[in-house]
């Protein structure tokens, strides 16, 4: 979801969303928002990392 849409949905400023997303990515030791989405999907059982390996 885009920052603007998240901000609207949560009733906060877009700048606040950007700051929160940046902090989440940093705390998880990740580099991108996509990596954070994959971590969340694995955590919630939406994907199984063993079956979706990019290697081989």
N, C-alpha and C. Protein backbone atom coordinates (compact mmCIF):
# COMPACT_ATOMS: atom_id res chain seq x y z
N UNK A 1 0.85 -1.17 0.00
CA UNK A 1 0.00 0.00 0.00
C UNK A 1 0.90 1.24 0.00
N UNK A 2 0.53 2.21 -0.75
CA UNK A 2 1.32 3.44 -0.85
C UNK A 2 1.24 4.26 0.43
N UNK A 3 2.27 5.05 0.66
CA UNK A 3 2.33 5.89 1.86
C UNK A 3 1.10 6.79 1.97
N UNK A 4 0.70 7.38 0.86
CA UNK A 4 -0.45 8.29 0.88
C UNK A 4 -1.72 7.57 1.30
N UNK A 5 -1.92 6.36 0.77
CA UNK A 5 -3.11 5.58 1.12
C UNK A 5 -3.07 5.15 2.58
N UNK A 6 -1.90 4.74 3.05
CA UNK A 6 -1.77 4.37 4.48
C UNK A 6 -2.06 5.56 5.37
N UNK A 7 -1.52 6.71 5.01
CA UNK A 7 -1.74 7.92 5.80
C UNK A 7 -3.22 8.26 5.89
N UNK A 8 -3.88 8.19 4.74
CA UNK A 8 -5.32 8.48 4.71
C UNK A 8 -6.09 7.50 5.58
N UNK A 9 -5.76 6.21 5.44
CA UNK A 9 -6.47 5.17 6.18
C UNK A 9 -6.26 5.29 7.69
N UNK A 10 -5.04 5.67 8.09
CA UNK A 10 -4.72 5.77 9.51
C UNK A 10 -4.99 7.15 10.10
N UNK A 11 -5.27 8.12 9.23
CA UNK A 11 -5.55 9.48 9.71
C UNK A 11 -4.31 10.18 10.23
N UNK A 12 -3.16 9.91 9.60
CA UNK A 12 -1.90 10.55 9.98
C UNK A 12 -1.26 11.14 8.74
N UNK A 13 -0.21 11.93 8.94
CA UNK A 13 0.47 12.57 7.82
C UNK A 13 1.30 11.54 7.03
N UNK A 14 1.43 11.78 5.74
CA UNK A 14 2.23 10.91 4.89
C UNK A 14 3.68 10.86 5.38
N UNK A 15 4.18 11.99 5.85
CA UNK A 15 5.55 12.05 6.38
C UNK A 15 5.70 11.13 7.59
N UNK A 16 4.67 11.02 8.41
CA UNK A 16 4.70 10.13 9.57
C UNK A 16 4.76 8.67 9.13
N UNK A 17 3.99 8.34 8.10
CA UNK A 17 4.02 6.98 7.55
C UNK A 17 5.42 6.65 7.07
N UNK A 18 6.03 7.56 6.31
CA UNK A 18 7.38 7.34 5.80
C UNK A 18 8.36 7.09 6.94
N UNK A 19 8.25 7.87 8.01
CA UNK A 19 9.15 7.71 9.15
C UNK A 19 8.94 6.35 9.82
N UNK A 20 7.70 5.95 10.02
CA UNK A 20 7.41 4.65 10.65
C UNK A 20 7.93 3.50 9.79
N UNK A 21 7.69 3.56 8.49
CA UNK A 21 8.15 2.51 7.59
C UNK A 21 9.67 2.43 7.63
N UNK A 22 10.34 3.56 7.60
CA UNK A 22 11.81 3.58 7.65
C UNK A 22 12.32 2.96 8.95
N UNK A 23 11.66 3.26 10.06
CA UNK A 23 12.08 2.69 11.35
C UNK A 23 11.86 1.18 11.40
N UNK A 24 10.76 0.72 10.87
CA UNK A 24 10.48 -0.72 10.83
C UNK A 24 11.55 -1.44 10.01
N UNK A 25 11.85 -0.90 8.84
CA UNK A 25 12.86 -1.51 7.97
C UNK A 25 14.21 -1.54 8.68
N UNK A 26 14.56 -0.45 9.33
CA UNK A 26 15.85 -0.38 10.05
C UNK A 26 15.89 -1.37 11.20
N UNK A 27 14.84 -1.43 12.00
CA UNK A 27 14.82 -2.34 13.16
C UNK A 27 14.88 -3.81 12.75
N UNK A 28 14.32 -4.13 11.58
CA UNK A 28 14.36 -5.51 11.10
C UNK A 28 15.68 -5.83 10.41
N UNK A 29 16.53 -4.82 10.23
CA UNK A 29 17.81 -5.03 9.57
C UNK A 29 17.67 -5.29 8.08
N UNK A 30 16.65 -4.68 7.47
CA UNK A 30 16.38 -4.88 6.06
C UNK A 30 16.81 -3.66 5.26
N UNK A 31 16.70 -3.77 3.94
CA UNK A 31 17.10 -2.66 3.07
C UNK A 31 15.95 -2.02 2.32
N UNK A 32 14.87 -2.77 2.10
CA UNK A 32 13.78 -2.25 1.29
C UNK A 32 12.42 -2.58 1.90
N UNK A 33 11.43 -1.86 1.43
CA UNK A 33 10.05 -2.10 1.83
C UNK A 33 9.58 -3.47 1.34
N UNK A 34 10.07 -3.90 0.18
CA UNK A 34 9.73 -5.21 -0.35
C UNK A 34 10.22 -6.31 0.59
N UNK A 35 11.44 -6.18 1.10
CA UNK A 35 11.96 -7.16 2.06
C UNK A 35 11.07 -7.21 3.30
N UNK A 36 10.62 -6.07 3.77
CA UNK A 36 9.73 -6.03 4.94
C UNK A 36 8.41 -6.73 4.63
N UNK A 37 7.90 -6.56 3.41
CA UNK A 37 6.65 -7.22 3.03
C UNK A 37 6.83 -8.73 2.99
N UNK A 38 7.97 -9.19 2.50
CA UNK A 38 8.23 -10.63 2.45
C UNK A 38 8.35 -11.20 3.87
N UNK A 39 9.05 -10.50 4.75
CA UNK A 39 9.17 -10.94 6.14
C UNK A 39 7.78 -11.04 6.77
N UNK A 40 6.93 -10.07 6.53
CA UNK A 40 5.58 -10.08 7.08
C UNK A 40 4.77 -11.25 6.52
N UNK A 41 4.90 -11.50 5.21
CA UNK A 41 4.17 -12.60 4.58
C UNK A 41 4.61 -13.95 5.15
N UNK A 42 5.91 -14.12 5.36
CA UNK A 42 6.42 -15.36 5.96
C UNK A 42 5.91 -15.48 7.39
N UNK A 43 5.99 -14.40 8.14
CA UNK A 43 5.56 -14.39 9.54
C UNK A 43 4.09 -14.79 9.68
N UNK A 44 3.27 -14.35 8.75
CA UNK A 44 1.82 -14.63 8.80
C UNK A 44 1.44 -15.90 8.05
N UNK A 45 2.44 -16.64 7.59
CA UNK A 45 2.18 -17.92 6.94
C UNK A 45 1.62 -17.82 5.53
N UNK A 46 1.76 -16.66 4.92
CA UNK A 46 1.23 -16.48 3.57
C UNK A 46 2.14 -17.10 2.52
N UNK A 47 3.44 -17.17 2.84
CA UNK A 47 4.38 -17.85 1.96
C UNK A 47 5.33 -18.69 2.81
N UNK A 48 5.87 -19.71 2.21
CA UNK A 48 6.80 -20.61 2.89
C UNK A 48 8.17 -20.38 2.23
N UNK A 49 9.15 -19.86 2.96
CA UNK A 49 10.44 -19.52 2.34
C UNK A 49 11.15 -20.72 1.73
N UNK A 50 10.97 -21.91 2.25
CA UNK A 50 11.62 -23.08 1.71
C UNK A 50 11.13 -23.42 0.30
N UNK A 51 9.87 -23.13 0.03
CA UNK A 51 9.26 -23.44 -1.27
C UNK A 51 9.43 -22.34 -2.29
N UNK A 52 9.82 -21.14 -1.87
CA UNK A 52 9.93 -20.00 -2.78
C UNK A 52 11.35 -19.47 -2.82
N UNK A 53 12.31 -20.33 -2.84
CA UNK A 53 13.70 -19.90 -2.88
C UNK A 53 14.06 -19.38 -4.26
N UNK A 54 14.82 -18.29 -4.29
CA UNK A 54 15.26 -17.72 -5.56
C UNK A 54 16.47 -18.46 -6.11
N UNK A 55 17.05 -19.32 -5.31
CA UNK A 55 18.24 -20.08 -5.72
C UNK A 55 17.82 -21.41 -6.29
N UNK A 56 18.45 -21.79 -7.41
CA UNK A 56 18.25 -23.13 -7.97
C UNK A 56 16.97 -23.30 -8.65
